[in-house]
Amino acid sequence: MTGASGAYRGYSMTEQKKKKKKGVSAQFRMLVLLCALALLVIMVMSYAVSGMGRSDVGSVTRVGATLSQNVVPFGDSVIFYDGTTLHCVAATGGNEWSYQIGTNADYDSAEKRIIAWSGNDIYMLNNRGRLIFNDRMSDSVQFASVGDKYAAVFLGDPDNGVISVMNEEGQIIDNITIQDQTVLDMGFFMSSTTTSTQETELLWVLGLDTTGTVISTELQTFQPGKLATGKSSLGEHIAYSVYWADNMLNVVDTRQIAHYNYRVLEQMNPTLIYGYTLDSIKEIRGMSYKLMIPAQEQNEGSNIANVRLMYGNVDRVLHLPGPCFDVELGTRSVYGFSSGAVHVCRYGETSFTSYAMPVNVTAVLGMITEDRVVVASGSEIYVVELPT
């Protein structure tokens, strides 16, 4: 009996240990399952808060440039200046061309032309990097602007200089004297005139008149080779953007967008935009799309919560799913950028879809063709193909 009893007790204890071990294993599995579920919930909530719901952004290419090298989107490529040489790099990362322009240089680009300047020297290049002309001007170049056929170069003193207008052969066809006015900006646009229904390339010049008791902004237009075509005082509200769209010259200040013809005669009542700042404009299939952000949010820098989109008869406020530090217009969609995500809203819709970005974005430098964006991640530059 003793042996049997001992054997029973031994068997009984073994079975109890086995049962106990099985009980611990089941509890452990349940604990692991609960932890996994909790982790999944946390990840989903984190993605919802950060806006990173999907990760199917397209190709990513590193461009051999750094943020300090004056990087500018250019058609389907990227241009940058390394301190002596201007480089053009394809969206796929390969070098397309390089041209040496000297030290302390700057440049402006249009769809088909690039004008660069360094001291008194200017260089006109086509979009393949071939030199169209170069010249040494009579005075130091303050800045320049390039169009399809012409270039405008501002020389001399910032308040009393000369704008030299040059054709594509490098010949100076106009010298416009600027007196008692600070030139803020200038650019080219295409318009028909009273003497021709065929579109002609014209020059606009935005200046600040400081001779009176109240500062006022003035807009002038010129037809190369025929000098002044129009002039108008815009009042004391300083304009910060001028663009040609919808067959009108549009001037943007903090209150409104005023609309003029090529002779700077007002064509219609201004569009009120008080409280918003124009961020970008893009013409798509003959329709101009204007993207604006609240002025207060622009001052805050990285807290854009909503944007205002205007095109045709549409004037709509779109609410971003999370704070963004930049917004851009694509060919089919509005894009909002945060450090780890891009939020996409197609034109005609009101809600955004969020995608994880493949790099940590610290700055957005602009869009190139096929809805690709040029971004900085720290000092490195990338081209990212965006969803549409």
Protein backbone atom coordinates (compact mmCIF):
# COMPACT_ATOMS: atom_id res chain seq x y z
CA MET A 1 0.00 0.00 0.00
CA THR A 2 2.76 2.27 0.83
CA GLY A 3 4.37 1.68 -2.51
CA ALA A 4 1.07 2.00 -4.25
CA SER A 5 0.25 5.13 -2.32
CA GLY A 6 3.64 6.59 -3.11
CA ALA A 7 3.23 5.66 -6.72
CA TYR A 8 -0.20 7.33 -6.77
CA ARG A 9 1.08 10.44 -5.13
CA GLY A 10 3.95 10.55 -7.61
CA TYR A 11 1.61 10.13 -10.52
CA SER A 12 -0.83 12.63 -9.10
CA MET A 13 1.88 15.29 -8.60
CA THR A 14 3.21 14.70 -12.09
CA GLU A 15 -0.21 15.14 -13.60
CA GLN A 16 -0.78 18.30 -11.55
CA LYS A 17 2.56 19.70 -12.76
CA LYS A 18 1.63 18.86 -16.31
CA LYS A 19 -1.74 20.54 -15.89
CA LYS A 20 -0.08 23.53 -14.30
CA LYS A 21 2.39 23.82 -17.15
CA LYS A 22 -0.45 23.63 -19.66
CA GLY A 23 -2.28 26.35 -17.80
CA VAL A 24 0.73 28.70 -17.87
CA SER A 25 1.22 28.06 -21.60
CA ALA A 26 -2.40 28.98 -22.41
CA GLN A 27 -2.19 32.14 -20.33
CA PHE A 28 1.06 33.08 -22.08
CA ARG A 29 -0.49 32.59 -25.49
CA MET A 30 -3.46 34.70 -24.48
CA LEU A 31 -1.13 37.43 -23.17
CA VAL A 32 0.84 37.43 -26.45
CA LEU A 33 -2.40 37.66 -28.43
CA LEU A 34 -3.65 40.59 -26.33
CA CYS A 35 -0.29 42.39 -26.71
CA ALA A 36 -0.39 41.89 -30.48
CA LEU A 37 -3.93 43.25 -30.65
CA ALA A 38 -2.95 46.23 -28.52
CA LEU A 39 0.07 46.90 -30.72
CA LEU A 40 -2.10 46.73 -33.84
CA VAL A 41 -4.57 49.22 -32.34
CA ILE A 42 -1.70 51.58 -31.43
CA MET A 43 -0.27 51.35 -34.96
CA VAL A 44 -3.65 52.05 -36.55
CA MET A 45 -4.24 55.02 -34.24
CA SER A 46 -0.72 56.31 -34.88
CA TYR A 47 -1.21 56.08 -38.64
CA ALA A 48 -4.55 57.83 -38.36
CA VAL A 49 -3.04 60.67 -36.35
CA SER A 50 0.03 61.06 -38.54
CA GLY A 51 -1.89 60.65 -41.79
CA MET A 52 0.19 57.70 -43.01
CA GLY A 53 -2.52 55.31 -44.14
CA ARG A 54 -0.89 53.84 -47.26
CA SER A 55 2.62 53.41 -48.57
CA ASP A 56 2.22 52.98 -52.33
CA VAL A 57 4.07 56.14 -53.36
CA GLY A 58 5.98 55.66 -56.64
CA SER A 59 9.68 55.69 -57.42
CA VAL A 60 12.20 57.63 -55.34
CA THR A 61 15.44 59.00 -56.81
CA ARG A 62 18.26 60.75 -55.01
CA VAL A 63 19.57 63.80 -56.86
CA GLY A 64 23.27 64.63 -56.55
CA ALA A 65 22.64 68.05 -55.01
CA THR A 66 22.31 69.54 -51.56
CA LEU A 67 19.74 71.97 -50.20
CA SER A 68 22.25 74.85 -50.13
CA GLN A 69 22.88 74.63 -53.91
CA ASN A 70 19.91 76.73 -55.10
CA VAL A 71 17.89 73.74 -56.34
CA VAL A 72 15.04 74.59 -58.75
CA PRO A 73 12.53 72.29 -60.52
CA PHE A 74 12.84 72.66 -64.32
CA GLY A 75 10.34 70.89 -66.58
CA ASP A 76 11.04 67.19 -66.11
CA SER A 77 14.45 67.87 -64.53
CA VAL A 78 16.15 69.63 -61.63
CA ILE A 79 18.69 72.48 -61.86
CA PHE A 80 21.23 73.35 -59.18
CA TYR A 81 24.30 75.57 -58.81
CA ASP A 82 27.35 74.20 -56.99
CA GLY A 83 29.24 77.50 -56.58
CA THR A 84 30.82 77.64 -60.03
CA THR A 85 28.74 75.46 -62.36
CA LEU A 86 25.07 75.10 -63.25
CA HIS A 87 23.93 71.45 -63.45
CA CYS A 88 20.76 69.91 -64.86
CA VAL A 89 19.84 66.47 -63.54
CA ALA A 90 17.10 64.19 -64.86
CA ALA A 91 14.33 62.96 -62.58
CA THR A 92 15.98 59.53 -62.81
CA GLY A 93 19.18 60.97 -61.31
CA GLY A 94 21.44 61.10 -64.36
CA ASN A 95 23.32 64.29 -65.23
CA GLU A 96 21.89 65.88 -68.39
CA TRP A 97 24.28 68.80 -68.78
CA SER A 98 26.56 71.20 -66.93
CA TYR A 99 27.69 74.75 -67.73
CA GLN A 100 30.26 76.83 -65.86
CA ILE A 101 29.00 80.34 -65.01
CA GLY A 102 31.48 81.51 -62.36
CA THR A 103 31.28 82.30 -58.67
CA ASN A 104 28.58 84.22 -56.77
CA ALA A 105 26.07 83.52 -59.56
CA ASP A 106 22.30 83.29 -59.67
CA TYR A 107 19.80 82.31 -62.34
CA ASP A 108 16.19 82.42 -63.51
CA SER A 109 14.43 79.83 -65.64
CA ALA A 110 11.39 79.58 -67.89
CA GLU A 111 10.01 76.60 -69.79
CA LYS A 112 12.61 76.77 -72.59
CA ARG A 113 15.30 79.17 -71.40
CA ILE A 114 17.66 79.83 -68.52
CA ILE A 115 19.42 83.12 -67.81
CA ALA A 116 22.31 83.16 -65.36
CA TRP A 117 24.40 86.07 -64.10
CA SER A 118 27.58 86.61 -62.16
CA GLY A 119 28.81 90.15 -61.58
CA ASN A 120 28.46 91.94 -64.93
CA ASP A 121 28.33 88.71 -66.97
CA ILE A 122 25.15 87.09 -68.23
CA TYR A 123 24.57 83.75 -69.95
CA MET A 124 21.50 82.61 -71.87
CA LEU A 125 21.09 78.82 -72.19
CA ASN A 126 18.41 76.66 -73.78
CA ASN A 127 16.80 73.75 -71.94
CA ARG A 128 19.50 71.39 -73.27
CA GLY A 129 22.28 73.46 -71.71
CA ARG A 130 23.54 74.95 -74.96
CA LEU A 131 24.74 78.54 -74.85
CA ILE A 132 22.50 80.90 -76.83
CA PHE A 133 24.58 83.96 -76.01
CA ASN A 134 26.69 85.52 -73.29
CA ASP A 135 27.62 89.15 -72.74
CA ARG A 136 29.29 91.49 -70.29
CA MET A 137 26.92 94.24 -69.23
CA SER A 138 27.84 97.86 -68.52
CA ASP A 139 27.01 97.53 -64.81
CA SER A 140 26.51 94.83 -62.19
CA VAL A 141 23.42 92.66 -62.64
CA GLN A 142 20.93 92.92 -59.76
CA PHE A 143 18.64 90.22 -61.13
CA ALA A 144 17.17 89.05 -64.42
CA SER A 145 14.09 87.35 -65.85
CA VAL A 146 13.71 85.20 -68.95
CA GLY A 147 10.77 84.48 -71.27
CA ASP A 148 10.35 82.41 -74.42
CA LYS A 149 12.11 84.89 -76.72
CA TYR A 150 13.35 87.75 -74.57
CA ALA A 151 15.28 88.40 -71.38
CA ALA A 152 15.17 91.41 -69.05
CA VAL A 153 18.25 92.34 -67.01
CA PHE A 154 18.11 94.88 -64.17
CA LEU A 155 21.41 96.77 -63.87
CA GLY A 156 22.90 99.29 -61.48
CA ASP A 157 21.47 100.87 -58.36
CA PRO A 158 18.39 99.10 -56.91
CA ASP A 159 16.44 102.38 -56.77
CA ASN A 160 17.68 104.10 -59.92
CA GLY A 161 18.77 101.41 -62.34
CA VAL A 162 18.18 100.36 -65.94
CA ILE A 163 16.24 97.39 -67.30
CA SER A 164 17.89 96.13 -70.50
CA VAL A 165 15.61 94.01 -72.67
CA MET A 166 17.46 91.57 -74.93
CA ASN A 167 16.33 89.32 -77.76
CA GLU A 168 17.38 85.69 -78.20
CA GLU A 169 20.46 86.77 -80.16
CA GLY A 170 21.72 88.85 -77.24
CA GLN A 171 20.97 92.23 -78.82
CA ILE A 172 19.71 94.97 -76.48
CA ILE A 173 16.48 96.28 -77.99
CA ASP A 174 15.31 98.45 -75.07
CA ASN A 175 16.86 100.28 -72.15
CA ILE A 176 14.18 101.25 -69.61
CA THR A 177 15.36 103.83 -67.05
CA ILE A 178 13.99 103.36 -63.54
CA GLN A 179 13.90 106.51 -61.41
CA ASP A 180 12.63 107.06 -57.85
CA GLN A 181 11.32 103.54 -57.71
CA THR A 182 12.43 100.24 -56.21
CA VAL A 183 11.96 97.39 -58.68
CA LEU A 184 10.37 94.45 -56.85
CA ASP A 185 9.98 91.97 -59.68
CA MET A 186 9.54 91.57 -63.43
CA GLY A 187 8.48 88.87 -65.83
CA PHE A 188 7.13 88.02 -69.28
CA PHE A 189 3.66 87.05 -70.49
CA MET A 190 1.93 86.34 -73.81
CA SER A 191 -0.99 88.49 -74.96
CA SER A 192 -2.68 89.74 -78.10
CA THR A 193 -2.62 93.53 -78.56
CA THR A 194 -4.76 96.17 -80.23
CA THR A 195 -2.47 96.04 -83.26
CA SER A 196 -2.30 92.25 -83.59
CA THR A 197 -4.53 89.30 -82.71
CA GLN A 198 -1.46 87.09 -82.67
CA GLU A 199 -0.02 86.71 -79.18
CA THR A 200 3.07 88.76 -78.46
CA GLU A 201 5.56 88.41 -75.62
CA LEU A 202 5.32 91.40 -73.27
CA LEU A 203 7.17 92.46 -70.11
CA TRP A 204 5.62 93.49 -66.80
CA VAL A 205 7.54 95.39 -64.11
CA LEU A 206 6.36 95.74 -60.51
CA GLY A 207 7.87 98.62 -58.55
CA LEU A 208 7.53 100.51 -55.31
CA ASP A 209 7.20 104.30 -55.63
CA THR A 210 8.88 105.94 -52.65
CA THR A 211 8.68 109.60 -53.75
CA GLY A 212 5.33 110.42 -52.15
CA THR A 213 4.28 110.67 -48.53
CA VAL A 214 2.58 107.27 -48.85
CA ILE A 215 4.34 104.30 -50.43
CA SER A 216 2.47 102.95 -53.45
CA THR A 217 2.95 99.98 -55.76
CA GLU A 218 3.07 100.53 -59.52
CA LEU A 219 2.68 98.07 -62.37
CA GLN A 220 4.02 98.84 -65.85
CA THR A 221 3.96 96.83 -69.07
CA PHE A 222 6.22 97.06 -72.11
CA GLN A 223 6.26 95.57 -75.57
CA PRO A 224 9.89 94.80 -76.49
CA GLY A 225 11.02 97.16 -79.22
CA LYS A 226 8.02 99.47 -78.73
CA LEU A 227 8.47 100.45 -75.07
CA ALA A 228 5.62 101.30 -72.70
CA THR A 229 2.14 99.88 -73.24
CA GLY A 230 0.56 100.61 -69.85
CA LYS A 231 1.02 101.88 -66.30
CA SER A 232 -1.16 101.92 -63.20
CA SER A 233 -0.85 102.75 -59.51
CA LEU A 234 -2.03 99.85 -57.34
CA GLY A 235 -2.28 101.81 -54.10
CA GLU A 236 -0.57 101.36 -50.76
CA HIS A 237 -1.19 97.59 -50.49
CA ILE A 238 2.05 95.96 -51.62
CA ALA A 239 1.56 93.30 -54.28
CA TYR A 240 3.58 90.11 -53.79
CA SER A 241 2.69 88.16 -56.94
CA VAL A 242 1.92 88.87 -60.60
CA TYR A 243 0.86 86.19 -63.07
CA TRP A 244 -0.86 85.89 -66.46
CA ALA A 245 -3.92 83.63 -66.54
CA ASP A 246 -7.43 83.63 -68.04
CA ASN A 247 -6.24 86.22 -70.60
CA MET A 248 -5.57 88.73 -67.83
CA LEU A 249 -2.64 90.07 -65.87
CA ASN A 250 -3.45 89.24 -62.25
CA VAL A 251 -1.91 91.16 -59.35
CA VAL A 252 -2.11 89.71 -55.84
CA ASP A 253 -1.88 91.63 -52.57
CA THR A 254 -3.01 90.83 -49.04
CA ARG A 255 -6.65 91.72 -49.76
CA GLN A 256 -7.46 90.81 -53.34
CA ILE A 257 -6.48 89.68 -56.80
CA ALA A 258 -6.89 92.55 -59.28
CA HIS A 259 -7.38 91.75 -62.98
CA TYR A 260 -5.91 93.84 -65.82
CA ASN A 261 -5.37 93.65 -69.55
CA TYR A 262 -1.93 94.07 -71.10
CA ARG A 263 -2.31 97.88 -70.94
CA VAL A 264 -2.93 97.64 -67.14
CA LEU A 265 -6.58 98.63 -67.47
CA GLU A 266 -8.82 96.90 -64.94
CA GLN A 267 -11.07 94.31 -66.61
CA MET A 268 -13.38 93.15 -63.81
CA ASN A 269 -13.99 93.54 -60.09
CA PRO A 270 -11.17 92.22 -57.91
CA THR A 271 -11.41 88.76 -56.39
CA LEU A 272 -11.39 89.13 -52.60
CA ILE A 273 -8.97 86.82 -50.79
CA TYR A 274 -8.63 88.63 -47.47
CA GLY A 275 -7.09 86.33 -44.86
CA TYR A 276 -5.50 84.05 -47.46
CA THR A 277 -2.12 84.06 -49.22
CA LEU A 278 -1.63 82.75 -52.74
CA ASP A 279 0.69 79.76 -52.52
CA SER A 280 0.78 78.50 -56.12
CA ILE A 281 -1.01 78.66 -59.45
CA LYS A 282 -1.09 76.09 -62.23
CA GLU A 283 -2.77 76.12 -65.63
CA ILE A 284 -4.22 72.75 -66.60
CA ARG A 285 -5.99 72.23 -69.93
CA GLY A 286 -6.78 75.93 -70.21
CA MET A 287 -8.08 76.25 -66.64
CA SER A 288 -6.12 78.14 -63.98
CA TYR A 289 -6.03 76.53 -60.51
CA LYS A 290 -5.14 78.76 -57.56
CA LEU A 291 -4.12 77.31 -54.21
CA MET A 292 -4.17 79.56 -51.13
CA ILE A 293 -3.40 79.05 -47.47
CA PRO A 294 -4.59 81.08 -44.47
CA ALA A 295 -2.17 83.95 -43.87
CA GLN A 296 -1.96 83.13 -40.16
CA GLU A 297 -1.03 79.51 -40.86
CA GLN A 298 1.66 80.61 -43.30
CA ASN A 299 3.20 82.73 -40.56
CA GLU A 300 3.15 79.75 -38.22
CA GLY A 301 5.25 77.86 -40.75
CA SER A 302 4.39 74.19 -40.32
CA ASN A 303 0.77 74.22 -39.20
CA ILE A 304 -1.28 74.36 -42.39
CA ALA A 305 -4.63 72.79 -41.48
CA ASN A 306 -6.73 73.82 -44.49
CA VAL A 307 -6.31 75.25 -47.97
CA ARG A 308 -8.50 77.22 -50.34
CA LEU A 309 -8.75 75.99 -53.93
CA MET A 310 -10.16 78.19 -56.70
CA TYR A 311 -10.74 77.29 -60.35
CA GLY A 312 -13.53 78.23 -62.76
CA ASN A 313 -16.65 78.78 -60.65
CA VAL A 314 -15.29 76.64 -57.80
CA ASP A 315 -14.13 78.30 -54.58
CA ARG A 316 -13.68 75.62 -51.94
CA VAL A 317 -11.93 75.15 -48.59
CA LEU A 318 -10.30 71.74 -48.15
CA HIS A 319 -9.42 70.42 -44.70
CA LEU A 320 -6.18 68.48 -44.41
CA PRO A 321 -6.21 65.30 -42.28
CA GLY A 322 -3.18 66.48 -40.32
CA PRO A 323 -0.85 69.51 -39.98
CA CYS A 324 1.28 70.14 -43.08
CA PHE A 325 4.24 72.42 -43.72
CA ASP A 326 3.72 72.73 -47.50
CA VAL A 327 1.04 72.30 -50.16
CA GLU A 328 1.39 71.94 -53.94
CA LEU A 329 -0.73 71.66 -57.07
CA GLY A 330 -0.41 68.66 -59.37
CA THR A 331 -2.06 67.93 -62.70
CA ARG A 332 -4.97 66.07 -61.06
CA SER A 333 -4.71 66.68 -57.32
CA VAL A 334 -3.83 68.92 -54.41
CA TYR A 335 -0.94 67.64 -52.29
CA GLY A 336 -0.28 68.40 -48.63
CA PHE A 337 3.08 67.45 -47.11
CA SER A 338 4.06 66.56 -43.58
CA SER A 339 7.40 65.06 -42.55
CA GLY A 340 6.32 61.46 -43.08
CA ALA A 341 3.23 61.64 -45.30
CA VAL A 342 1.66 63.15 -48.39
CA HIS A 343 -2.09 63.82 -48.42
CA VAL A 344 -3.81 63.73 -51.82
CA CYS A 345 -7.16 65.26 -52.81
CA ARG A 346 -8.24 64.96 -56.46
CA TYR A 347 -9.76 68.01 -58.12
CA GLY A 348 -13.52 67.93 -57.75
CA GLU A 349 -13.34 65.97 -54.48
CA THR A 350 -13.26 67.21 -50.89
CA SER A 351 -11.43 64.50 -48.92
CA PHE A 352 -7.77 63.52 -48.80
CA THR A 353 -6.15 60.10 -49.02
CA SER A 354 -2.89 59.77 -47.09
CA TYR A 355 0.26 57.94 -48.12
CA ALA A 356 3.52 57.29 -46.27
CA MET A 357 6.51 59.07 -47.79
CA PRO A 358 9.63 56.94 -48.38
CA VAL A 359 11.91 59.61 -46.91
CA ASN A 360 11.58 62.00 -44.00
CA VAL A 361 10.69 65.25 -45.80
CA THR A 362 12.07 68.48 -44.30
CA ALA A 363 11.36 70.83 -47.25
CA VAL A 364 9.40 70.81 -50.50
CA LEU A 365 11.14 72.57 -53.39
CA GLY A 366 8.41 72.22 -56.01
CA MET A 367 6.78 70.00 -58.61
CA ILE A 368 8.13 68.73 -61.92
CA THR A 369 6.28 66.94 -64.73
CA GLU A 370 4.22 63.76 -64.27
CA ASP A 371 3.27 64.71 -60.70
CA ARG A 372 6.72 64.24 -59.23
CA VAL A 373 7.90 66.39 -56.35
CA VAL A 374 11.38 67.63 -55.50
CA VAL A 375 11.96 67.40 -51.75
CA ALA A 376 14.77 67.76 -49.24
CA SER A 377 15.45 65.29 -46.47
CA GLY A 378 17.97 67.10 -44.34
CA SER A 379 20.54 68.34 -46.86
CA GLU A 380 19.87 65.60 -49.45
CA ILE A 381 17.56 66.13 -52.45
CA TYR A 382 15.11 63.52 -53.79
CA VAL A 383 12.56 63.27 -56.59
CA VAL A 384 9.46 61.33 -55.50
CA GLU A 385 6.70 60.11 -57.83
CA LEU A 386 3.37 60.96 -56.21
CA PRO A 387 0.03 59.16 -56.43
CA THR A 388 -2.64 60.97 -58.41
